[in-house]
Amino acid sequence: MTYIVNENCIKCKFTDCVEVCPVDCFYEGENMLVIHPDECIDCGVCEPECPVDAIKPDTEPGLEQWLELNRRYAETWPNITAKKEAPPNADDFRDEKDKFKKYFSSEPGSGD
């Protein structure tokens, strides 16, 4: 088992989860984070830290595409280990649906 980040993170990119991760397995894209599934130790401390419910165990049904997306981009995006300020308009996107189709960016973030 591992944890994954889903589309709830897109355009919100709160980094509370990064701060509590004991193995630094988060990677930063332009407008979302991902978890490297081979680095995650399945401790679960990140899940309750996410204010937009974007972190889920990969054992939940229907998350296969998110596991693959997390794996793919964790290989190319920079590692992030310290909390950053969320985007200034993050709350505007908190409850929006279908964010992947509308806003996903494969561009890397700045990392640490």
N, C-alpha and C. Protein backbone atom coordinates (compact mmCIF):
# COMPACT_ATOMS: atom_id res chain seq x y z
N MET A 1 0.84 -1.19 0.00
CA MET A 1 0.00 0.00 0.00
C MET A 1 0.88 1.25 0.00
N THR A 2 0.35 2.29 -0.58
CA THR A 2 0.98 3.60 -0.54
C THR A 2 -0.13 4.64 -0.49
N TYR A 3 0.24 5.85 -0.34
CA TYR A 3 -0.73 6.94 -0.42
C TYR A 3 -0.52 7.67 -1.73
N ILE A 4 -1.58 8.28 -2.23
CA ILE A 4 -1.51 9.03 -3.48
C ILE A 4 -2.13 10.41 -3.26
N VAL A 5 -1.82 11.32 -4.16
CA VAL A 5 -2.45 12.64 -4.17
C VAL A 5 -3.38 12.66 -5.37
N ASN A 6 -4.62 13.12 -5.17
CA ASN A 6 -5.58 13.16 -6.27
C ASN A 6 -5.84 14.60 -6.72
N GLU A 7 -6.82 14.76 -7.60
CA GLU A 7 -7.05 16.07 -8.21
C GLU A 7 -7.51 17.16 -7.25
N ASN A 8 -7.90 16.81 -6.05
CA ASN A 8 -8.28 17.86 -5.09
C ASN A 8 -7.13 18.81 -4.81
N CYS A 9 -5.92 18.34 -5.01
CA CYS A 9 -4.73 19.16 -4.76
C CYS A 9 -4.51 20.24 -5.83
N ILE A 10 -4.98 19.96 -7.04
CA ILE A 10 -4.73 20.87 -8.16
C ILE A 10 -5.26 22.27 -7.85
N LYS A 11 -4.40 23.26 -8.05
CA LYS A 11 -4.69 24.68 -7.84
C LYS A 11 -4.82 25.06 -6.36
N CYS A 12 -4.78 24.08 -5.46
CA CYS A 12 -4.80 24.37 -4.03
C CYS A 12 -3.38 24.26 -3.48
N LYS A 13 -2.76 23.13 -3.71
CA LYS A 13 -1.36 22.86 -3.36
C LYS A 13 -0.98 23.35 -1.96
N PHE A 14 -1.80 22.97 -0.99
CA PHE A 14 -1.42 23.20 0.40
C PHE A 14 -0.28 22.23 0.71
N THR A 15 0.68 22.64 1.47
CA THR A 15 1.85 21.79 1.70
C THR A 15 1.98 21.35 3.16
N ASP A 16 0.89 21.34 3.88
CA ASP A 16 0.90 20.87 5.27
C ASP A 16 1.40 19.43 5.34
N CYS A 17 1.06 18.64 4.34
CA CYS A 17 1.44 17.22 4.28
C CYS A 17 2.95 17.04 4.20
N VAL A 18 3.60 17.89 3.47
CA VAL A 18 5.05 17.81 3.26
C VAL A 18 5.79 17.92 4.57
N GLU A 19 5.30 18.81 5.40
CA GLU A 19 5.97 19.10 6.67
C GLU A 19 6.00 17.91 7.63
N VAL A 20 5.01 17.03 7.54
CA VAL A 20 4.93 15.90 8.48
C VAL A 20 5.49 14.59 7.92
N CYS A 21 5.83 14.56 6.64
CA CYS A 21 6.30 13.32 6.01
C CYS A 21 7.69 12.94 6.55
N PRO A 22 7.81 11.76 7.17
CA PRO A 22 9.10 11.37 7.74
C PRO A 22 10.13 10.90 6.71
N VAL A 23 9.69 10.65 5.47
CA VAL A 23 10.63 10.13 4.46
C VAL A 23 10.76 11.05 3.24
N ASP A 24 10.19 12.23 3.29
CA ASP A 24 10.33 13.22 2.22
C ASP A 24 9.99 12.66 0.84
N CYS A 25 8.80 12.05 0.73
CA CYS A 25 8.41 11.42 -0.54
C CYS A 25 7.45 12.26 -1.37
N PHE A 26 7.35 13.57 -1.09
CA PHE A 26 6.50 14.45 -1.88
C PHE A 26 7.32 15.16 -2.94
N TYR A 27 6.69 15.35 -4.10
CA TYR A 27 7.32 16.02 -5.23
C TYR A 27 6.36 17.09 -5.72
N GLU A 28 6.95 18.20 -6.18
CA GLU A 28 6.14 19.39 -6.48
C GLU A 28 6.03 19.67 -7.97
N GLY A 29 4.78 19.74 -8.42
CA GLY A 29 4.47 20.20 -9.76
C GLY A 29 4.08 21.66 -9.72
N GLU A 30 3.82 22.22 -10.86
CA GLU A 30 3.45 23.62 -10.95
C GLU A 30 2.21 23.93 -10.12
N ASN A 31 1.21 23.02 -10.15
CA ASN A 31 -0.02 23.34 -9.41
C ASN A 31 -0.56 22.19 -8.56
N MET A 32 0.26 21.18 -8.28
CA MET A 32 -0.13 20.12 -7.36
C MET A 32 1.11 19.38 -6.85
N LEU A 33 0.91 18.54 -5.87
CA LEU A 33 1.96 17.68 -5.34
C LEU A 33 1.66 16.24 -5.71
N VAL A 34 2.68 15.39 -5.67
CA VAL A 34 2.50 13.95 -5.81
C VAL A 34 3.36 13.25 -4.77
N ILE A 35 3.03 11.99 -4.52
CA ILE A 35 3.78 11.14 -3.60
C ILE A 35 4.48 10.06 -4.42
N HIS A 36 5.75 9.85 -4.15
CA HIS A 36 6.45 8.76 -4.84
C HIS A 36 6.04 7.45 -4.16
N PRO A 37 5.32 6.57 -4.87
CA PRO A 37 4.80 5.37 -4.23
C PRO A 37 5.88 4.40 -3.74
N ASP A 38 7.06 4.44 -4.33
CA ASP A 38 8.13 3.54 -3.89
C ASP A 38 8.89 4.08 -2.68
N GLU A 39 8.68 5.34 -2.36
CA GLU A 39 9.34 5.95 -1.21
C GLU A 39 8.42 6.05 0.01
N CYS A 40 7.12 6.11 -0.25
CA CYS A 40 6.13 6.22 0.83
C CYS A 40 6.20 4.97 1.71
N ILE A 41 6.22 5.19 3.03
CA ILE A 41 6.28 4.06 3.97
C ILE A 41 4.91 3.74 4.56
N ASP A 42 3.87 4.30 3.98
CA ASP A 42 2.49 3.98 4.36
C ASP A 42 2.15 4.33 5.80
N CYS A 43 2.80 5.34 6.34
CA CYS A 43 2.54 5.70 7.74
C CYS A 43 1.22 6.44 7.90
N GLY A 44 0.78 7.15 6.86
CA GLY A 44 -0.51 7.82 6.91
C GLY A 44 -0.56 9.15 7.62
N VAL A 45 0.56 9.66 8.10
CA VAL A 45 0.52 10.92 8.84
C VAL A 45 0.14 12.11 7.94
N CYS A 46 0.35 11.98 6.65
CA CYS A 46 0.04 13.08 5.73
C CYS A 46 -1.46 13.23 5.47
N GLU A 47 -2.17 12.13 5.46
CA GLU A 47 -3.58 12.14 5.06
C GLU A 47 -4.43 13.13 5.86
N PRO A 48 -4.39 13.11 7.19
CA PRO A 48 -5.25 14.05 7.93
C PRO A 48 -4.77 15.50 7.86
N GLU A 49 -3.55 15.72 7.40
CA GLU A 49 -3.02 17.09 7.31
C GLU A 49 -3.57 17.86 6.12
N CYS A 50 -4.08 17.16 5.12
CA CYS A 50 -4.54 17.81 3.90
C CYS A 50 -5.91 18.46 4.10
N PRO A 51 -5.99 19.80 3.96
CA PRO A 51 -7.26 20.48 4.19
C PRO A 51 -8.28 20.29 3.07
N VAL A 52 -7.87 19.71 1.93
CA VAL A 52 -8.80 19.51 0.82
C VAL A 52 -9.03 18.02 0.52
N ASP A 53 -8.63 17.14 1.43
CA ASP A 53 -8.88 15.71 1.31
C ASP A 53 -8.31 15.14 0.01
N ALA A 54 -7.09 15.56 -0.34
CA ALA A 54 -6.47 15.13 -1.59
C ALA A 54 -5.58 13.91 -1.44
N ILE A 55 -5.36 13.44 -0.22
CA ILE A 55 -4.46 12.30 -0.01
C ILE A 55 -5.29 11.10 0.42
N LYS A 56 -5.10 10.00 -0.32
CA LYS A 56 -5.87 8.78 -0.08
C LYS A 56 -4.96 7.56 -0.14
N PRO A 57 -5.31 6.48 0.57
CA PRO A 57 -4.57 5.24 0.40
C PRO A 57 -4.90 4.64 -0.96
N ASP A 58 -3.92 4.04 -1.60
CA ASP A 58 -4.16 3.51 -2.95
C ASP A 58 -5.05 2.27 -2.95
N THR A 59 -5.44 1.82 -1.77
CA THR A 59 -6.34 0.67 -1.68
C THR A 59 -7.80 1.05 -1.92
N GLU A 60 -8.11 2.34 -1.92
CA GLU A 60 -9.47 2.76 -2.21
C GLU A 60 -9.76 2.51 -3.69
N PRO A 61 -10.96 2.04 -4.01
CA PRO A 61 -11.28 1.74 -5.41
C PRO A 61 -11.26 3.00 -6.29
N GLY A 62 -10.86 2.81 -7.54
CA GLY A 62 -10.90 3.88 -8.51
C GLY A 62 -9.71 4.82 -8.51
N LEU A 63 -8.65 4.49 -7.79
CA LEU A 63 -7.51 5.41 -7.69
C LEU A 63 -6.31 4.96 -8.53
N GLU A 64 -6.49 3.96 -9.37
CA GLU A 64 -5.38 3.43 -10.16
C GLU A 64 -4.71 4.50 -11.01
N GLN A 65 -5.53 5.35 -11.67
CA GLN A 65 -4.94 6.38 -12.53
C GLN A 65 -4.13 7.38 -11.71
N TRP A 66 -4.53 7.61 -10.47
CA TRP A 66 -3.80 8.54 -9.62
C TRP A 66 -2.49 7.94 -9.14
N LEU A 67 -2.49 6.64 -8.90
CA LEU A 67 -1.25 5.97 -8.53
C LEU A 67 -0.24 6.10 -9.67
N GLU A 68 -0.69 5.87 -10.89
CA GLU A 68 0.20 5.98 -12.05
C GLU A 68 0.68 7.42 -12.24
N LEU A 69 -0.21 8.39 -12.08
CA LEU A 69 0.18 9.80 -12.22
C LEU A 69 1.19 10.18 -11.15
N ASN A 70 0.96 9.76 -9.91
CA ASN A 70 1.91 10.05 -8.84
C ASN A 70 3.27 9.45 -9.14
N ARG A 71 3.29 8.20 -9.59
CA ARG A 71 4.54 7.53 -9.90
C ARG A 71 5.28 8.27 -11.04
N ARG A 72 4.56 8.58 -12.08
CA ARG A 72 5.17 9.22 -13.26
C ARG A 72 5.82 10.55 -12.91
N TYR A 73 5.08 11.42 -12.24
CA TYR A 73 5.59 12.76 -11.99
C TYR A 73 6.57 12.83 -10.82
N ALA A 74 6.50 11.88 -9.90
CA ALA A 74 7.49 11.85 -8.82
C ALA A 74 8.88 11.56 -9.37
N GLU A 75 8.93 10.97 -10.55
CA GLU A 75 10.22 10.68 -11.19
C GLU A 75 10.85 11.91 -11.83
N THR A 76 10.04 12.94 -12.14
CA THR A 76 10.58 14.10 -12.87
C THR A 76 10.45 15.42 -12.12
N TRP A 77 9.50 15.53 -11.22
CA TRP A 77 9.33 16.78 -10.48
C TRP A 77 10.32 16.84 -9.32
N PRO A 78 10.66 18.06 -8.85
CA PRO A 78 11.60 18.19 -7.74
C PRO A 78 10.98 17.82 -6.39
N ASN A 79 11.81 17.32 -5.52
CA ASN A 79 11.41 16.96 -4.17
C ASN A 79 11.07 18.22 -3.38
N ILE A 80 10.06 18.11 -2.53
CA ILE A 80 9.69 19.21 -1.64
C ILE A 80 9.62 18.65 -0.23
N THR A 81 10.32 19.29 0.70
CA THR A 81 10.39 18.79 2.08
C THR A 81 9.97 19.82 3.12
N ALA A 82 9.74 21.05 2.67
CA ALA A 82 9.37 22.12 3.61
C ALA A 82 8.06 22.77 3.18
N LYS A 83 7.28 23.15 4.15
CA LYS A 83 5.99 23.80 3.89
C LYS A 83 6.21 25.15 3.21
N LYS A 84 5.35 25.44 2.24
CA LYS A 84 5.35 26.73 1.54
C LYS A 84 3.96 27.34 1.68
N GLU A 85 3.88 28.60 1.34
CA GLU A 85 2.57 29.25 1.30
C GLU A 85 1.75 28.66 0.16
N ALA A 86 0.48 28.46 0.39
CA ALA A 86 -0.42 27.99 -0.67
C ALA A 86 -0.60 29.12 -1.69
N PRO A 87 -1.02 28.78 -2.91
CA PRO A 87 -1.30 29.84 -3.87
C PRO A 87 -2.33 30.82 -3.28
N PRO A 88 -2.22 32.10 -3.61
CA PRO A 88 -3.11 33.10 -3.00
C PRO A 88 -4.60 32.85 -3.26
N ASN A 89 -4.93 32.19 -4.37
CA ASN A 89 -6.33 31.93 -4.69
C ASN A 89 -6.72 30.47 -4.44
N ALA A 90 -5.97 29.76 -3.63
CA ALA A 90 -6.22 28.33 -3.39
C ALA A 90 -7.64 28.06 -2.89
N ASP A 91 -8.15 28.88 -2.02
CA ASP A 91 -9.49 28.65 -1.48
C ASP A 91 -10.57 28.76 -2.55
N ASP A 92 -10.31 29.48 -3.62
CA ASP A 92 -11.28 29.60 -4.72
C ASP A 92 -11.49 28.26 -5.42
N PHE A 93 -10.51 27.36 -5.34
CA PHE A 93 -10.57 26.09 -6.04
C PHE A 93 -10.84 24.90 -5.12
N ARG A 94 -11.00 25.16 -3.85
CA ARG A 94 -11.12 24.11 -2.83
C ARG A 94 -12.21 23.09 -3.16
N ASP A 95 -13.38 23.51 -3.59
CA ASP A 95 -14.50 22.59 -3.80
C ASP A 95 -14.82 22.35 -5.28
N GLU A 96 -13.98 22.82 -6.16
CA GLU A 96 -14.24 22.65 -7.59
C GLU A 96 -14.05 21.19 -8.01
N LYS A 97 -14.88 20.74 -8.92
CA LYS A 97 -14.80 19.37 -9.44
C LYS A 97 -14.11 19.36 -10.80
N ASP A 98 -13.66 18.19 -11.23
CA ASP A 98 -13.03 17.99 -12.55
C ASP A 98 -11.84 18.91 -12.78
N LYS A 99 -11.05 19.12 -11.76
CA LYS A 99 -9.90 20.02 -11.88
C LYS A 99 -8.81 19.46 -12.78
N PHE A 100 -8.69 18.14 -12.87
CA PHE A 100 -7.64 17.57 -13.71
C PHE A 100 -7.82 18.00 -15.17
N LYS A 101 -9.01 17.85 -15.69
CA LYS A 101 -9.29 18.21 -17.09
C LYS A 101 -9.09 19.70 -17.34
N LYS A 102 -9.44 20.50 -16.36
CA LYS A 102 -9.40 21.96 -16.54
C LYS A 102 -8.02 22.56 -16.31
N TYR A 103 -7.28 22.05 -15.30
CA TYR A 103 -6.12 22.80 -14.83
C TYR A 103 -4.80 22.03 -14.71
N PHE A 104 -4.81 20.72 -14.81
CA PHE A 104 -3.57 19.98 -14.55
C PHE A 104 -2.43 20.48 -15.42
N SER A 105 -1.27 20.64 -14.80
CA SER A 105 -0.05 21.02 -15.51
C SER A 105 1.02 19.98 -15.23
N SER A 106 1.68 19.52 -16.27
CA SER A 106 2.76 18.55 -16.10
C SER A 106 4.10 19.25 -15.83
N GLU A 107 4.08 20.57 -15.77
CA GLU A 107 5.30 21.33 -15.51
C GLU A 107 5.74 21.15 -14.06
N PRO A 108 7.04 21.11 -13.83
CA PRO A 108 7.52 20.95 -12.46
C PRO A 108 7.35 22.24 -11.64
N GLY A 109 7.30 22.06 -10.33
CA GLY A 109 7.34 23.20 -9.42
C GLY A 109 8.79 23.54 -9.13
N SER A 110 8.99 24.34 -8.10
CA SER A 110 10.35 24.77 -7.77
C SER A 110 11.04 23.86 -6.75
N GLY A 111 10.26 23.03 -6.04
CA GLY A 111 10.86 22.18 -5.01
C GLY A 111 11.48 23.01 -3.90
N ASP A 112 12.41 22.38 -3.19
CA ASP A 112 13.05 23.09 -2.08
C ASP A 112 14.09 24.05 -2.58
